[in-house]
Amino acid sequence: MADPRFRAGARVRVRDLPVRGHVRTPGYVRGRPGWVEACHGRFPDPEQRAYGRDGLPAEPLYLVRFRQIDLWPGYGGAPADSLALDIFERWLEAVSPGPAEATHG
């Protein structure tokens, strides 16, 4: 079994996968950048289990944090405001931090 692909601090973007049915990754984070805070370990895929499948092989599940200003156009709160979600590895892709994203706020 391979090690988790991402480590704490890694910059990631949520993939905008064309999926239908039961999906645990909210639409409002798809295509948005964030960073990995932690890997919780490996777990069966709940999206498959919802349809009576076993959800195997187990997949790394990450705690990913997003800046609110990256999620909501016109967000009027503090720049450091954030939201954290658990997201499975297949939904994530690595990104290089840009000049404005070099810190997490």
N, C-alpha and C. Protein backbone atom coordinates (compact mmCIF):
# COMPACT_ATOMS: atom_id res chain seq x y z
N MET A 1 0.84 -1.18 0.00
CA MET A 1 0.00 0.00 0.00
C MET A 1 0.89 1.24 0.00
N ALA A 2 0.65 2.16 -0.93
CA ALA A 2 1.46 3.36 -1.06
C ALA A 2 1.17 4.34 0.08
N ASP A 3 2.17 5.15 0.37
CA ASP A 3 2.00 6.20 1.38
C ASP A 3 1.01 7.24 0.86
N PRO A 4 0.38 7.99 1.76
CA PRO A 4 -0.47 9.09 1.33
C PRO A 4 0.33 10.05 0.44
N ARG A 5 -0.31 10.60 -0.55
CA ARG A 5 0.35 11.46 -1.53
C ARG A 5 0.72 12.82 -0.96
N PHE A 6 -0.08 13.34 -0.02
CA PHE A 6 0.12 14.70 0.49
C PHE A 6 0.50 14.69 1.96
N ARG A 7 1.33 15.64 2.31
CA ARG A 7 1.75 15.83 3.71
C ARG A 7 1.16 17.14 4.23
N ALA A 8 1.16 17.31 5.53
CA ALA A 8 0.67 18.55 6.14
C ALA A 8 1.41 19.74 5.54
N GLY A 9 0.65 20.78 5.18
CA GLY A 9 1.20 21.98 4.58
C GLY A 9 1.17 21.99 3.07
N ALA A 10 0.91 20.84 2.44
CA ALA A 10 0.88 20.77 0.98
C ALA A 10 -0.26 21.61 0.41
N ARG A 11 0.05 22.39 -0.62
CA ARG A 11 -0.97 23.15 -1.33
C ARG A 11 -1.69 22.20 -2.27
N VAL A 12 -3.01 22.24 -2.26
CA VAL A 12 -3.82 21.36 -3.09
C VAL A 12 -4.96 22.15 -3.73
N ARG A 13 -5.54 21.57 -4.74
CA ARG A 13 -6.76 22.10 -5.35
C ARG A 13 -7.73 20.93 -5.42
N VAL A 14 -8.99 21.19 -5.13
CA VAL A 14 -10.01 20.16 -5.22
C VAL A 14 -10.39 20.00 -6.68
N ARG A 15 -10.31 18.79 -7.15
CA ARG A 15 -10.66 18.51 -8.54
C ARG A 15 -12.17 18.68 -8.73
N ASP A 16 -12.55 19.14 -9.91
CA ASP A 16 -13.96 19.31 -10.25
C ASP A 16 -14.37 18.11 -11.10
N LEU A 17 -14.56 16.99 -10.44
CA LEU A 17 -14.87 15.73 -11.14
C LEU A 17 -16.33 15.70 -11.58
N PRO A 18 -16.58 15.17 -12.78
CA PRO A 18 -17.97 15.06 -13.26
C PRO A 18 -18.63 13.82 -12.67
N VAL A 19 -19.16 13.95 -11.48
CA VAL A 19 -19.79 12.81 -10.81
C VAL A 19 -21.26 13.08 -10.57
N ARG A 20 -22.01 12.00 -10.47
CA ARG A 20 -23.44 12.10 -10.17
C ARG A 20 -23.73 11.22 -8.97
N GLY A 21 -24.85 11.49 -8.34
CA GLY A 21 -25.26 10.67 -7.21
C GLY A 21 -24.66 11.15 -5.91
N HIS A 22 -24.45 10.21 -5.01
CA HIS A 22 -23.97 10.52 -3.66
C HIS A 22 -22.50 10.95 -3.71
N VAL A 23 -22.23 12.20 -3.36
CA VAL A 23 -20.87 12.73 -3.37
C VAL A 23 -20.63 13.45 -2.06
N ARG A 24 -19.49 13.16 -1.44
CA ARG A 24 -19.18 13.75 -0.14
C ARG A 24 -18.36 15.03 -0.24
N THR A 25 -17.96 15.42 -1.44
CA THR A 25 -17.16 16.63 -1.63
C THR A 25 -18.08 17.74 -2.12
N PRO A 26 -18.31 18.77 -1.30
CA PRO A 26 -19.26 19.82 -1.67
C PRO A 26 -18.85 20.56 -2.95
N GLY A 27 -19.84 20.94 -3.73
CA GLY A 27 -19.59 21.66 -4.97
C GLY A 27 -18.87 22.97 -4.77
N TYR A 28 -19.09 23.63 -3.63
CA TYR A 28 -18.49 24.95 -3.43
C TYR A 28 -16.98 24.91 -3.21
N VAL A 29 -16.39 23.73 -3.00
CA VAL A 29 -14.93 23.65 -2.88
C VAL A 29 -14.27 23.10 -4.15
N ARG A 30 -15.04 22.60 -5.07
CA ARG A 30 -14.46 22.05 -6.30
C ARG A 30 -13.81 23.15 -7.12
N GLY A 31 -12.57 22.88 -7.52
CA GLY A 31 -11.79 23.86 -8.27
C GLY A 31 -11.10 24.89 -7.39
N ARG A 32 -11.28 24.81 -6.09
CA ARG A 32 -10.73 25.81 -5.17
C ARG A 32 -9.43 25.33 -4.52
N PRO A 33 -8.51 26.27 -4.23
CA PRO A 33 -7.25 25.91 -3.57
C PRO A 33 -7.42 25.83 -2.06
N GLY A 34 -6.58 25.03 -1.46
CA GLY A 34 -6.52 24.92 -0.01
C GLY A 34 -5.19 24.33 0.38
N TRP A 35 -5.07 23.90 1.63
CA TRP A 35 -3.85 23.23 2.07
C TRP A 35 -4.21 22.12 3.03
N VAL A 36 -3.38 21.09 3.00
CA VAL A 36 -3.57 19.92 3.85
C VAL A 36 -3.11 20.26 5.26
N GLU A 37 -3.98 19.99 6.21
CA GLU A 37 -3.59 20.14 7.61
C GLU A 37 -3.13 18.82 8.20
N ALA A 38 -3.77 17.72 7.78
CA ALA A 38 -3.42 16.41 8.33
C ALA A 38 -4.01 15.32 7.45
N CYS A 39 -3.44 14.14 7.56
CA CYS A 39 -4.02 12.94 6.96
C CYS A 39 -4.59 12.11 8.10
N HIS A 40 -5.87 11.76 8.01
CA HIS A 40 -6.53 11.00 9.07
C HIS A 40 -6.22 9.51 9.00
N GLY A 41 -5.69 9.05 7.87
CA GLY A 41 -5.47 7.62 7.65
C GLY A 41 -6.25 7.18 6.41
N ARG A 42 -6.43 5.87 6.28
CA ARG A 42 -7.14 5.32 5.12
C ARG A 42 -8.52 4.82 5.54
N PHE A 43 -9.50 5.07 4.67
CA PHE A 43 -10.87 4.67 4.96
C PHE A 43 -11.55 4.20 3.69
N PRO A 44 -12.53 3.29 3.80
CA PRO A 44 -13.32 2.90 2.64
C PRO A 44 -14.08 4.10 2.08
N ASP A 45 -14.31 4.08 0.79
CA ASP A 45 -14.97 5.17 0.08
C ASP A 45 -16.47 5.20 0.39
N PRO A 46 -16.94 6.22 1.14
CA PRO A 46 -18.36 6.29 1.49
C PRO A 46 -19.25 6.54 0.27
N GLU A 47 -18.69 7.13 -0.79
CA GLU A 47 -19.47 7.36 -2.00
C GLU A 47 -19.85 6.04 -2.65
N GLN A 48 -18.98 5.04 -2.56
CA GLN A 48 -19.29 3.71 -3.09
C GLN A 48 -20.14 2.91 -2.11
N ARG A 49 -19.85 3.08 -0.83
CA ARG A 49 -20.62 2.34 0.19
C ARG A 49 -22.09 2.74 0.19
N ALA A 50 -22.39 3.97 -0.21
CA ALA A 50 -23.77 4.42 -0.28
C ALA A 50 -24.59 3.59 -1.27
N TYR A 51 -23.91 2.93 -2.20
CA TYR A 51 -24.57 2.10 -3.20
C TYR A 51 -24.38 0.61 -2.95
N GLY A 52 -24.02 0.25 -1.72
CA GLY A 52 -23.91 -1.15 -1.33
C GLY A 52 -22.59 -1.82 -1.68
N ARG A 53 -21.62 -1.07 -2.19
CA ARG A 53 -20.30 -1.63 -2.49
C ARG A 53 -19.43 -1.54 -1.24
N ASP A 54 -18.28 -2.22 -1.27
CA ASP A 54 -17.43 -2.25 -0.08
C ASP A 54 -16.55 -1.01 0.08
N GLY A 55 -16.41 -0.18 -0.97
CA GLY A 55 -15.61 1.03 -0.86
C GLY A 55 -14.12 0.80 -0.84
N LEU A 56 -13.69 -0.40 -1.22
CA LEU A 56 -12.27 -0.72 -1.19
C LEU A 56 -11.65 -0.56 -2.57
N PRO A 57 -10.38 -0.26 -2.65
CA PRO A 57 -9.42 -0.17 -1.54
C PRO A 57 -9.63 1.10 -0.72
N ALA A 58 -9.24 1.01 0.53
CA ALA A 58 -9.31 2.19 1.40
C ALA A 58 -8.40 3.28 0.83
N GLU A 59 -8.77 4.51 1.06
CA GLU A 59 -8.07 5.66 0.47
C GLU A 59 -7.74 6.68 1.54
N PRO A 60 -6.61 7.40 1.40
CA PRO A 60 -6.29 8.43 2.38
C PRO A 60 -7.36 9.52 2.43
N LEU A 61 -7.67 9.94 3.65
CA LEU A 61 -8.62 11.00 3.92
C LEU A 61 -7.87 12.15 4.60
N TYR A 62 -8.02 13.34 4.06
CA TYR A 62 -7.27 14.50 4.54
C TYR A 62 -8.19 15.55 5.15
N LEU A 63 -7.65 16.27 6.11
CA LEU A 63 -8.27 17.49 6.60
C LEU A 63 -7.67 18.61 5.76
N VAL A 64 -8.52 19.27 4.97
CA VAL A 64 -8.06 20.34 4.07
C VAL A 64 -8.70 21.65 4.52
N ARG A 65 -7.88 22.68 4.62
CA ARG A 65 -8.37 24.00 5.05
C ARG A 65 -8.39 24.94 3.84
N PHE A 66 -9.45 25.75 3.78
CA PHE A 66 -9.66 26.71 2.69
C PHE A 66 -9.84 28.10 3.28
N ARG A 67 -9.28 29.09 2.61
CA ARG A 67 -9.56 30.48 3.00
C ARG A 67 -10.97 30.80 2.49
N GLN A 68 -11.76 31.44 3.34
CA GLN A 68 -13.12 31.80 2.94
C GLN A 68 -13.11 32.70 1.71
N ILE A 69 -12.12 33.58 1.60
CA ILE A 69 -12.07 34.49 0.44
C ILE A 69 -11.83 33.73 -0.86
N ASP A 70 -11.31 32.49 -0.78
CA ASP A 70 -11.14 31.67 -1.98
C ASP A 70 -12.41 30.91 -2.33
N LEU A 71 -13.34 30.81 -1.39
CA LEU A 71 -14.57 30.05 -1.62
C LEU A 71 -15.75 30.90 -2.06
N TRP A 72 -15.88 32.10 -1.52
CA TRP A 72 -17.08 32.90 -1.71
C TRP A 72 -16.75 34.22 -2.37
N PRO A 73 -17.19 34.45 -3.60
CA PRO A 73 -16.96 35.75 -4.25
C PRO A 73 -17.53 36.88 -3.40
N GLY A 74 -16.73 37.91 -3.21
CA GLY A 74 -17.19 39.06 -2.44
C GLY A 74 -17.22 38.83 -0.94
N TYR A 75 -16.54 37.79 -0.45
CA TYR A 75 -16.54 37.51 0.98
C TYR A 75 -16.07 38.75 1.75
N GLY A 76 -16.83 39.18 2.74
CA GLY A 76 -16.53 40.40 3.47
C GLY A 76 -15.91 40.21 4.83
N GLY A 77 -15.62 38.98 5.20
CA GLY A 77 -15.02 38.72 6.51
C GLY A 77 -13.53 38.94 6.51
N ALA A 78 -12.91 38.57 7.61
CA ALA A 78 -11.46 38.73 7.76
C ALA A 78 -10.71 37.81 6.79
N PRO A 79 -9.60 38.28 6.23
CA PRO A 79 -8.83 37.47 5.29
C PRO A 79 -8.36 36.12 5.87
N ALA A 80 -8.21 36.05 7.18
CA ALA A 80 -7.74 34.81 7.81
C ALA A 80 -8.87 33.81 8.07
N ASP A 81 -10.13 34.20 7.83
CA ASP A 81 -11.25 33.28 8.06
C ASP A 81 -11.09 32.05 7.17
N SER A 82 -11.36 30.87 7.73
CA SER A 82 -11.15 29.64 6.97
C SER A 82 -12.22 28.61 7.30
N LEU A 83 -12.22 27.57 6.49
CA LEU A 83 -13.15 26.45 6.62
C LEU A 83 -12.34 25.18 6.41
N ALA A 84 -12.56 24.16 7.23
CA ALA A 84 -11.85 22.89 7.09
C ALA A 84 -12.84 21.78 6.77
N LEU A 85 -12.46 20.92 5.82
CA LEU A 85 -13.29 19.79 5.40
C LEU A 85 -12.43 18.54 5.27
N ASP A 86 -13.04 17.39 5.46
CA ASP A 86 -12.38 16.11 5.19
C ASP A 86 -12.62 15.75 3.73
N ILE A 87 -11.53 15.49 3.00
CA ILE A 87 -11.63 15.21 1.57
C ILE A 87 -10.72 14.03 1.23
N PHE A 88 -11.26 13.09 0.45
CA PHE A 88 -10.49 11.92 0.03
C PHE A 88 -9.46 12.29 -1.04
N GLU A 89 -8.38 11.52 -1.08
CA GLU A 89 -7.23 11.81 -1.94
C GLU A 89 -7.59 11.95 -3.43
N ARG A 90 -8.49 11.12 -3.95
CA ARG A 90 -8.78 11.17 -5.38
C ARG A 90 -9.36 12.50 -5.82
N TRP A 91 -9.87 13.28 -4.86
CA TRP A 91 -10.44 14.59 -5.17
C TRP A 91 -9.39 15.69 -5.20
N LEU A 92 -8.15 15.40 -4.81
CA LEU A 92 -7.13 16.43 -4.65
C LEU A 92 -6.03 16.34 -5.70
N GLU A 93 -5.53 17.51 -6.10
CA GLU A 93 -4.36 17.58 -6.96
C GLU A 93 -3.40 18.60 -6.37
N ALA A 94 -2.12 18.38 -6.59
CA ALA A 94 -1.09 19.28 -6.06
C ALA A 94 -1.08 20.57 -6.86
N VAL A 95 -0.82 21.68 -6.18
CA VAL A 95 -0.63 22.96 -6.85
C VAL A 95 0.58 23.65 -6.23
N SER A 96 1.23 24.46 -7.03
CA SER A 96 2.34 25.27 -6.52
C SER A 96 1.76 26.56 -5.98
N PRO A 97 2.25 27.02 -4.83
CA PRO A 97 1.70 28.27 -4.28
C PRO A 97 2.12 29.45 -5.15
N GLY A 98 1.17 30.32 -5.42
CA GLY A 98 1.47 31.57 -6.11
C GLY A 98 1.92 32.60 -5.10
N PRO A 99 2.36 33.78 -5.55
CA PRO A 99 2.85 34.80 -4.62
C PRO A 99 1.83 35.18 -3.56
N ALA A 100 0.54 35.26 -3.92
CA ALA A 100 -0.48 35.65 -2.94
C ALA A 100 -0.90 34.49 -2.05
N GLU A 101 -0.51 33.27 -2.42
CA GLU A 101 -0.93 32.10 -1.66
C GLU A 101 0.20 31.48 -0.85
N ALA A 102 1.35 32.12 -0.80
CA ALA A 102 2.52 31.52 -0.17
C ALA A 102 2.32 31.28 1.31
N THR A 103 1.44 32.02 1.94
CA THR A 103 1.13 31.78 3.35
C THR A 103 -0.33 31.44 3.48
N HIS A 104 -0.68 30.83 4.57
CA HIS A 104 -2.06 30.39 4.78
C HIS A 104 -2.92 31.46 5.40
N GLY A 105 -2.38 32.59 5.73
CA GLY A 105 -3.17 33.67 6.32
C GLY A 105 -3.07 33.61 7.78
